[in-house]
N, C-alpha and C. Protein backbone atom coordinates (compact mmCIF):
# COMPACT_ATOMS: atom_id res chain seq x y z
N MET A 1 0.57 -1.51 0.26
CA MET A 1 -0.18 -0.10 0.20
C MET A 1 1.13 0.90 0.12
N ASN A 2 0.75 2.18 -1.10
CA ASN A 2 1.49 3.42 -1.05
C ASN A 2 0.78 4.51 -0.75
N LEU A 3 1.82 4.87 0.85
CA LEU A 3 0.82 5.82 1.48
C LEU A 3 1.91 7.30 1.31
N THR A 4 2.84 7.47 0.32
CA THR A 4 3.46 8.63 -0.24
C THR A 4 2.54 9.71 -0.48
N ILE A 5 2.43 10.84 -0.12
CA ILE A 5 1.40 11.84 -0.59
C ILE A 5 2.48 12.88 -1.27
N PHE A 6 2.14 12.78 -2.48
CA PHE A 6 3.04 13.97 -3.48
C PHE A 6 3.06 15.17 -3.83
N SER A 7 3.74 16.27 -3.67
CA SER A 7 3.06 17.38 -3.82
C SER A 7 3.05 18.25 -5.50
N ASP A 8 2.54 19.26 -5.16
CA ASP A 8 2.35 20.13 -6.91
C ASP A 8 3.55 19.98 -7.24
N ASP A 9 4.74 20.28 -6.78
CA ASP A 9 5.81 20.29 -7.38
C ASP A 9 6.33 18.90 -7.93
N TYR A 10 5.93 17.83 -7.50
CA TYR A 10 6.09 16.47 -7.85
C TYR A 10 5.50 16.35 -8.98
N PHE A 11 4.13 16.69 -8.82
CA PHE A 11 3.25 16.42 -10.07
C PHE A 11 3.28 17.15 -11.65
N MET A 12 3.75 18.36 -10.94
CA MET A 12 3.99 19.59 -12.20
C MET A 12 5.37 18.90 -12.70
N GLY A 13 6.11 18.21 -11.97
CA GLY A 13 7.20 17.37 -12.88
C GLY A 13 6.87 16.20 -13.77
N GLU A 14 6.00 15.93 -13.48
CA GLU A 14 5.17 14.67 -14.07
C GLU A 14 4.74 15.65 -15.40
N ALA A 15 3.78 16.39 -15.08
CA ALA A 15 3.60 17.46 -16.44
C ALA A 15 4.38 17.72 -17.28
N LEU A 16 5.62 18.50 -16.49
CA LEU A 16 6.91 18.69 -17.77
C LEU A 16 7.34 17.81 -18.39
N LYS A 17 7.81 16.27 -18.01
CA LYS A 17 7.98 15.07 -18.43
C LYS A 17 6.96 14.93 -19.53
N GLU A 18 5.86 15.43 -19.64
CA GLU A 18 4.86 15.16 -21.23
C GLU A 18 4.86 16.27 -21.87
N ALA A 19 5.32 17.56 -21.35
CA ALA A 19 5.55 18.79 -22.40
C ALA A 19 6.86 18.73 -22.91
N ARG A 20 8.12 17.76 -22.23
CA ARG A 20 9.24 17.33 -23.42
C ARG A 20 8.98 16.49 -24.59
N LYS A 21 8.17 15.66 -24.43
CA LYS A 21 7.54 14.60 -25.23
C LYS A 21 6.98 15.43 -26.81
N ALA A 22 6.23 16.50 -26.29
CA ALA A 22 5.72 17.35 -27.16
C ALA A 22 6.98 18.43 -28.03
N PHE A 23 7.53 18.78 -26.86
CA PHE A 23 8.72 19.33 -27.55
C PHE A 23 9.47 18.63 -28.64
N ASP A 24 9.89 16.84 -28.11
CA ASP A 24 10.37 16.74 -28.79
C ASP A 24 10.01 16.20 -30.66
N LEU A 25 8.70 16.25 -30.62
CA LEU A 25 7.68 15.71 -31.72
C LEU A 25 6.96 17.02 -32.14
N ASP A 26 8.08 18.43 -31.87
CA ASP A 26 8.21 19.89 -32.56
C ASP A 26 6.62 19.96 -32.25
N GLU A 27 6.14 19.95 -31.03
CA GLU A 27 4.52 20.18 -31.03
C GLU A 27 4.84 21.75 -29.69
N VAL A 28 4.04 22.48 -29.67
CA VAL A 28 4.29 23.28 -28.05
C VAL A 28 4.55 22.67 -27.53
N PRO A 29 5.43 22.84 -26.28
CA PRO A 29 5.45 21.87 -25.27
C PRO A 29 4.89 22.01 -24.01
N VAL A 30 3.65 21.76 -23.91
CA VAL A 30 2.84 21.85 -22.93
C VAL A 30 2.18 20.59 -22.86
N GLY A 31 2.27 20.22 -21.54
CA GLY A 31 2.13 18.73 -20.91
C GLY A 31 0.78 18.91 -19.88
N ALA A 32 0.38 17.68 -19.64
CA ALA A 32 -0.62 17.31 -18.57
C ALA A 32 -0.72 16.07 -17.77
N VAL A 33 -1.13 16.57 -16.66
CA VAL A 33 -1.33 15.10 -16.13
C VAL A 33 -2.51 15.23 -15.43
N ILE A 34 -3.27 14.23 -14.76
CA ILE A 34 -4.57 14.43 -13.60
C ILE A 34 -4.34 13.71 -13.12
N VAL A 35 -4.44 13.72 -11.83
CA VAL A 35 -4.45 13.72 -10.47
C VAL A 35 -5.51 13.14 -9.54
N CYS A 36 -5.54 11.73 -9.04
CA CYS A 36 -7.38 11.65 -8.28
C CYS A 36 -6.61 10.80 -7.18
N ASN A 37 -7.01 11.05 -5.88
CA ASN A 37 -6.32 10.17 -4.66
C ASN A 37 -4.71 10.16 -5.08
N ASN A 38 -4.24 10.95 -5.02
CA ASN A 38 -2.55 11.22 -5.06
C ASN A 38 -2.25 9.89 -6.46
N GLN A 39 -2.81 9.72 -7.28
CA GLN A 39 -2.42 8.68 -8.23
C GLN A 39 -2.65 9.45 -9.66
N ILE A 40 -1.82 9.26 -10.28
CA ILE A 40 -1.83 9.88 -12.04
C ILE A 40 -3.20 9.29 -12.62
N ILE A 41 -3.84 9.58 -13.18
CA ILE A 41 -5.25 8.61 -13.78
C ILE A 41 -5.03 9.06 -15.74
N ALA A 42 -4.04 10.01 -15.86
CA ALA A 42 -4.05 10.56 -17.32
C ALA A 42 -2.40 11.32 -17.27
N ARG A 43 -2.19 11.14 -18.19
CA ARG A 43 -0.85 12.17 -18.94
C ARG A 43 -1.24 12.10 -20.29
N ALA A 44 -0.99 13.40 -21.24
CA ALA A 44 -1.03 13.90 -22.21
C ALA A 44 0.18 15.16 -22.36
N HIS A 45 0.16 15.26 -23.65
CA HIS A 45 0.94 16.84 -24.32
C HIS A 45 0.19 17.04 -25.27
N ASN A 46 0.37 18.14 -25.89
CA ASN A 46 -0.01 18.90 -27.04
C ASN A 46 0.18 17.40 -28.25
N LEU A 47 -0.74 17.72 -29.07
CA LEU A 47 -1.15 16.70 -29.96
C LEU A 47 -1.61 17.74 -31.55
N THR A 48 -1.64 19.06 -31.68
CA THR A 48 -1.84 19.82 -32.54
C THR A 48 -1.67 19.35 -33.73
N GLU A 49 -0.51 19.73 -33.91
CA GLU A 49 0.36 19.05 -35.25
C GLU A 49 0.47 17.92 -35.99
N GLN A 50 0.38 17.11 -34.71
CA GLN A 50 0.25 15.28 -35.11
C GLN A 50 -0.79 14.90 -35.47
N LEU A 51 -1.91 15.40 -34.99
CA LEU A 51 -3.33 14.95 -35.46
C LEU A 51 -3.98 16.35 -36.20
N ASN A 52 -3.65 17.44 -36.50
CA ASN A 52 -4.25 18.39 -37.55
C ASN A 52 -5.27 18.86 -36.87
N ASP A 53 -5.50 18.70 -35.96
CA ASP A 53 -6.64 19.19 -34.97
C ASP A 53 -6.15 20.36 -34.04
N VAL A 54 -6.78 21.63 -33.67
CA VAL A 54 -6.37 22.73 -32.93
C VAL A 54 -6.73 22.48 -31.54
N THR A 55 -7.83 21.55 -31.49
CA THR A 55 -8.36 21.33 -30.39
C THR A 55 -7.99 20.38 -29.55
N ALA A 56 -6.76 19.61 -30.01
CA ALA A 56 -5.79 18.49 -29.64
C ALA A 56 -4.80 19.51 -28.80
N HIS A 57 -5.04 19.82 -27.53
CA HIS A 57 -4.37 20.39 -26.53
C HIS A 57 -4.22 19.48 -25.58
N ALA A 58 -3.33 19.61 -24.63
CA ALA A 58 -2.90 18.50 -23.23
C ALA A 58 -3.88 18.30 -22.82
N GLU A 59 -4.49 19.53 -22.22
CA GLU A 59 -5.65 19.31 -21.22
C GLU A 59 -6.86 18.50 -21.71
N MET A 60 -7.05 19.05 -23.10
CA MET A 60 -8.48 17.80 -23.42
C MET A 60 -7.81 16.26 -23.75
N GLN A 61 -6.64 16.36 -24.20
CA GLN A 61 -6.26 15.00 -24.52
C GLN A 61 -6.12 14.24 -22.91
N ALA A 62 -5.78 15.28 -21.94
CA ALA A 62 -5.73 14.48 -20.43
C ALA A 62 -7.30 14.29 -20.03
N PHE A 63 -8.39 15.05 -20.35
CA PHE A 63 -9.72 15.02 -20.22
C PHE A 63 -10.13 13.73 -20.52
N THR A 64 -9.96 13.23 -21.84
CA THR A 64 -10.31 12.27 -22.39
C THR A 64 -9.99 11.06 -21.48
N SER A 65 -8.78 10.95 -21.52
CA SER A 65 -8.03 10.04 -20.89
C SER A 65 -8.97 9.78 -19.59
N ALA A 66 -8.75 10.72 -18.76
CA ALA A 66 -8.97 10.28 -17.27
C ALA A 66 -11.13 10.29 -16.98
N PHE A 67 -11.87 10.76 -18.27
CA PHE A 67 -13.34 10.28 -18.68
C PHE A 67 -12.83 8.88 -18.31
N ASN A 68 -12.61 8.24 -19.32
CA ASN A 68 -12.28 6.81 -19.82
C ASN A 68 -11.62 6.08 -18.50
N TYR A 69 -10.61 6.96 -17.94
CA TYR A 69 -10.17 5.99 -16.87
C TYR A 69 -11.39 5.41 -15.58
N LEU A 70 -11.89 6.85 -15.47
CA LEU A 70 -13.24 6.73 -14.39
C LEU A 70 -14.24 6.05 -14.45
N GLY A 71 -14.36 6.24 -15.97
CA GLY A 71 -16.17 5.93 -16.57
C GLY A 71 -16.91 7.06 -15.80
N GLY A 72 -16.54 8.11 -15.86
CA GLY A 72 -17.71 9.31 -15.99
C GLY A 72 -16.94 10.16 -16.40
N LYS A 73 -17.53 11.60 -16.47
CA LYS A 73 -17.59 12.79 -17.37
C LYS A 73 -17.37 13.87 -16.36
N TYR A 74 -17.23 13.66 -15.14
CA TYR A 74 -16.82 14.70 -14.19
C TYR A 74 -15.50 14.43 -12.92
N LEU A 75 -15.19 15.47 -13.08
CA LEU A 75 -13.44 14.98 -12.24
C LEU A 75 -13.61 16.13 -11.21
N LYS A 76 -14.54 16.09 -10.11
CA LYS A 76 -14.89 16.76 -8.93
C LYS A 76 -13.75 16.41 -8.08
N GLU A 77 -13.25 15.63 -7.93
CA GLU A 77 -11.74 14.97 -6.87
C GLU A 77 -10.89 15.04 -7.49
N CYS A 78 -10.57 15.73 -8.56
CA CYS A 78 -9.39 15.51 -9.89
C CYS A 78 -8.89 16.89 -9.73
N THR A 79 -7.12 16.76 -9.85
CA THR A 79 -6.44 17.87 -10.30
C THR A 79 -5.88 17.58 -11.55
N LEU A 80 -5.98 19.04 -12.08
CA LEU A 80 -5.45 18.82 -13.42
C LEU A 80 -3.85 19.46 -13.44
N TYR A 81 -2.53 19.56 -13.79
CA TYR A 81 -1.76 19.85 -13.22
C TYR A 81 -1.15 20.27 -14.59
N VAL A 82 -0.77 21.44 -15.63
CA VAL A 82 -0.59 21.80 -16.65
C VAL A 82 0.66 22.77 -16.58
N THR A 83 2.02 22.55 -17.67
CA THR A 83 2.67 23.46 -17.47
C THR A 83 2.43 24.67 -17.97
N LEU A 84 1.20 25.15 -18.96
CA LEU A 84 1.10 26.42 -19.50
C LEU A 84 -0.50 26.71 -19.15
N GLU A 85 -0.77 27.91 -18.64
CA GLU A 85 -2.13 28.30 -18.17
C GLU A 85 -2.99 28.12 -19.29
N PRO A 86 -4.58 27.10 -18.82
CA PRO A 86 -5.16 26.91 -19.99
C PRO A 86 -5.91 28.10 -21.00
N CYS A 87 -6.17 27.76 -22.25
CA CYS A 87 -6.68 28.80 -22.70
C CYS A 87 -8.20 28.78 -22.35
N VAL A 88 -8.78 29.36 -23.10
CA VAL A 88 -10.41 29.41 -22.68
C VAL A 88 -10.98 28.10 -23.35
N MET A 89 -10.57 27.54 -24.00
CA MET A 89 -11.15 26.41 -24.41
C MET A 89 -11.27 25.19 -23.50
N CYS A 90 -9.33 25.12 -22.93
CA CYS A 90 -9.35 24.20 -22.21
C CYS A 90 -10.13 24.15 -20.52
N ALA A 91 -10.26 25.48 -20.56
CA ALA A 91 -10.43 26.01 -18.84
C ALA A 91 -11.95 26.29 -19.09
N GLY A 92 -13.12 26.11 -20.12
CA GLY A 92 -14.26 26.01 -20.45
C GLY A 92 -14.40 24.40 -20.19
N ALA A 93 -13.71 23.40 -20.83
CA ALA A 93 -14.19 22.16 -20.57
C ALA A 93 -13.75 21.73 -19.31
N SER A 94 -12.68 22.43 -18.60
CA SER A 94 -12.64 21.76 -17.10
C SER A 94 -13.92 22.52 -16.22
N ARG A 95 -14.34 23.66 -16.49
CA ARG A 95 -15.64 24.03 -16.06
C ARG A 95 -17.07 22.58 -16.07
N TRP A 96 -17.08 22.44 -17.21
CA TRP A 96 -17.90 21.15 -17.89
C TRP A 96 -17.71 19.89 -17.01
N ALA A 97 -16.41 19.74 -16.78
CA ALA A 97 -15.81 18.33 -15.91
C ALA A 97 -15.74 18.62 -14.70
N GLN A 98 -16.02 20.32 -14.19
CA GLN A 98 -15.84 20.09 -12.72
C GLN A 98 -15.16 19.94 -12.27
N MET A 99 -13.73 20.09 -12.67
CA MET A 99 -12.50 20.17 -11.94
C MET A 99 -12.54 20.56 -10.99
N GLY A 100 -11.57 20.05 -9.90
CA GLY A 100 -11.70 19.92 -8.72
C GLY A 100 -10.72 20.95 -8.27
N LYS A 101 -9.57 20.91 -8.36
CA LYS A 101 -8.46 22.35 -8.94
C LYS A 101 -7.72 21.82 -10.26
N VAL A 102 -7.23 23.21 -10.55
CA VAL A 102 -6.03 23.49 -11.83
C VAL A 102 -5.07 23.70 -11.32
N VAL A 103 -3.73 23.32 -11.56
CA VAL A 103 -2.95 23.95 -11.26
C VAL A 103 -1.92 24.47 -12.21
N ALA A 104 -1.33 25.48 -12.86
CA ALA A 104 -0.65 25.70 -13.57
C ALA A 104 1.02 26.44 -13.38
N GLY A 105 1.80 25.66 -14.50
CA GLY A 105 3.19 26.50 -13.46
C GLY A 105 3.20 27.60 -14.47
N ALA A 106 3.19 28.35 -16.06
CA ALA A 106 3.68 29.53 -16.24
C ALA A 106 2.02 30.04 -16.70
N LEU A 107 2.22 31.41 -16.56
CA LEU A 107 0.81 32.38 -16.94
C LEU A 107 1.27 32.43 -18.57
N ASP A 108 0.02 32.38 -19.41
CA ASP A 108 -0.26 32.99 -20.80
C ASP A 108 -0.50 34.18 -20.86
N LYS A 109 0.24 35.12 -21.01
CA LYS A 109 -0.08 36.63 -21.11
C LYS A 109 -0.86 36.69 -22.31
N LYS A 110 -0.85 36.12 -22.80
CA LYS A 110 -1.79 36.06 -24.42
C LYS A 110 -2.96 35.33 -24.75
N ARG A 111 -2.38 34.12 -24.28
CA ARG A 111 -3.85 33.51 -24.75
C ARG A 111 -4.08 32.68 -23.93
N GLY A 112 -4.14 32.80 -22.44
CA GLY A 112 -4.52 32.21 -21.08
C GLY A 112 -5.74 33.04 -20.77
N PHE A 113 -6.43 31.86 -19.98
CA PHE A 113 -8.09 31.96 -20.08
C PHE A 113 -8.15 33.20 -18.56
N THR A 114 -7.30 33.22 -18.04
CA THR A 114 -7.21 34.85 -17.08
C THR A 114 -7.63 36.03 -17.71
N GLN A 115 -7.14 36.09 -18.82
CA GLN A 115 -7.13 37.28 -19.72
C GLN A 115 -8.29 37.55 -20.23
N THR A 116 -9.12 36.45 -19.99
CA THR A 116 -10.83 37.02 -20.06
C THR A 116 -11.28 37.03 -19.01
N SER A 117 -11.37 35.93 -18.41
CA SER A 117 -12.02 35.70 -16.82
C SER A 117 -11.86 34.60 -16.06
N LEU A 118 -11.36 34.65 -14.85
CA LEU A 118 -11.03 33.44 -13.78
C LEU A 118 -12.76 32.53 -13.93
N GLN A 119 -13.60 33.34 -14.41
CA GLN A 119 -14.90 32.59 -14.16
C GLN A 119 -15.05 31.70 -15.02
N ILE A 120 -14.37 31.53 -15.85
CA ILE A 120 -14.35 30.24 -16.53
C ILE A 120 -14.51 29.35 -15.99
N LEU A 121 -13.81 28.94 -15.24
CA LEU A 121 -13.49 27.99 -14.59
C LEU A 121 -14.89 27.77 -13.41
N HIS A 122 -14.69 26.31 -13.20
CA HIS A 122 -16.27 26.05 -12.43
C HIS A 122 -15.88 27.11 -10.81
N PRO A 123 -17.36 27.33 -10.37
CA PRO A 123 -17.30 28.24 -9.52
C PRO A 123 -16.25 27.43 -7.94
N LYS A 124 -16.41 25.91 -8.04
CA LYS A 124 -15.88 25.47 -6.97
C LYS A 124 -14.73 25.12 -7.32
N THR A 125 -14.01 25.23 -8.59
CA THR A 125 -12.61 24.85 -9.08
C THR A 125 -11.46 25.62 -7.96
N LYS A 126 -10.64 25.09 -7.50
CA LYS A 126 -9.50 25.66 -7.05
C LYS A 126 -8.21 26.31 -7.96
N TRP A 127 -7.85 27.41 -8.20
CA TRP A 127 -6.96 27.78 -8.95
C TRP A 127 -5.17 28.15 -8.49
N ILE A 128 -4.49 27.53 -8.80
CA ILE A 128 -3.17 27.67 -8.30
C ILE A 128 -2.42 27.93 -9.64
N PHE A 129 -1.19 28.81 -9.66
CA PHE A 129 -0.59 29.11 -10.77
C PHE A 129 1.14 29.20 -10.10
N GLY A 130 2.19 28.97 -11.03
CA GLY A 130 2.97 29.58 -10.33
C GLY A 130 4.02 27.87 -10.04
N ILE A 131 3.74 26.83 -10.02
CA ILE A 131 4.12 26.14 -9.98
C ILE A 131 5.08 25.35 -10.46
N ARG A 132 6.98 25.74 -10.22
CA ARG A 132 7.95 25.28 -11.29
C ARG A 132 7.75 25.92 -12.68
N GLU A 133 7.38 27.47 -12.57
CA GLU A 133 7.09 28.37 -13.24
C GLU A 133 8.35 28.80 -14.31
N LYS A 134 9.63 28.54 -13.57
CA LYS A 134 10.66 29.03 -14.50
C LYS A 134 11.19 27.90 -15.51
N GLU A 135 10.93 26.65 -14.89
CA GLU A 135 11.13 25.41 -16.09
C GLU A 135 10.14 25.15 -16.97
N CYS A 136 8.86 25.38 -16.63
CA CYS A 136 7.87 25.35 -17.44
C CYS A 136 7.74 26.86 -18.64
N SER A 137 8.24 27.52 -18.71
CA SER A 137 8.80 28.97 -19.04
C SER A 137 9.77 28.67 -19.92
N GLU A 138 11.25 28.58 -19.35
CA GLU A 138 12.11 28.43 -20.16
C GLU A 138 12.12 26.96 -21.36
N LEU A 139 11.07 25.62 -21.28
CA LEU A 139 11.02 25.04 -22.10
C LEU A 139 10.07 25.98 -23.13
N LEU A 140 8.94 26.40 -22.83
CA LEU A 140 8.51 27.19 -24.08
C LEU A 140 9.59 28.07 -24.67
N VAL A 141 10.22 28.94 -23.97
CA VAL A 141 10.97 29.63 -24.45
C VAL A 141 12.13 29.06 -25.50
N GLU A 142 12.39 27.85 -25.30
CA GLU A 142 13.48 27.18 -26.15
C GLU A 142 12.85 27.05 -27.34
N PHE A 143 11.60 26.57 -26.86
CA PHE A 143 11.13 25.80 -28.30
C PHE A 143 10.58 26.95 -29.38
N PHE A 144 10.18 28.48 -28.87
CA PHE A 144 9.62 29.38 -30.04
C PHE A 144 11.54 30.00 -30.50
N ARG A 145 12.38 29.66 -29.43
CA ARG A 145 13.46 30.55 -30.22
C ARG A 145 13.91 29.33 -31.38
N LYS A 146 14.04 28.37 -30.84
CA LYS A 146 14.30 27.49 -31.94
C LYS A 146 13.60 27.69 -33.20
N LYS A 147 12.24 27.84 -32.99
CA LYS A 147 11.24 28.11 -34.29
C LYS A 147 12.10 29.11 -34.83
N ARG A 148 12.13 30.31 -34.70
CA ARG A 148 12.80 31.76 -35.34
C ARG A 148 14.20 31.57 -35.93
């Protein structure tokens, strides 16, 4: 029986592993994990280029995986860890899923949902940002520097 309680820092590290997978695929390096009862139930990274699908964000991929794992459409007891602040689409999906908590690494000053409204999240969703922010930001900066 595993009684280890993992921290936000630990789970963001797991999301960073997913972001690095996206980086290696030449995708915008955003990674996500969904945790329920201290256990990762979903892992994902951006696949918009691979799938030619603008909705294939890390969060959306993780939501689908978590719904399938749990056999339901609500994630009230779950936490989403994502390396970049969710966009409006992903924040809206987390609202519909009634996500318990959303934890972001870096803020997205251009396309993040907080540029529109914090009320996009479900009223009961806890919002935390800045976990391993430097690492999350540096990976994105490196990716876009390589592109230019």
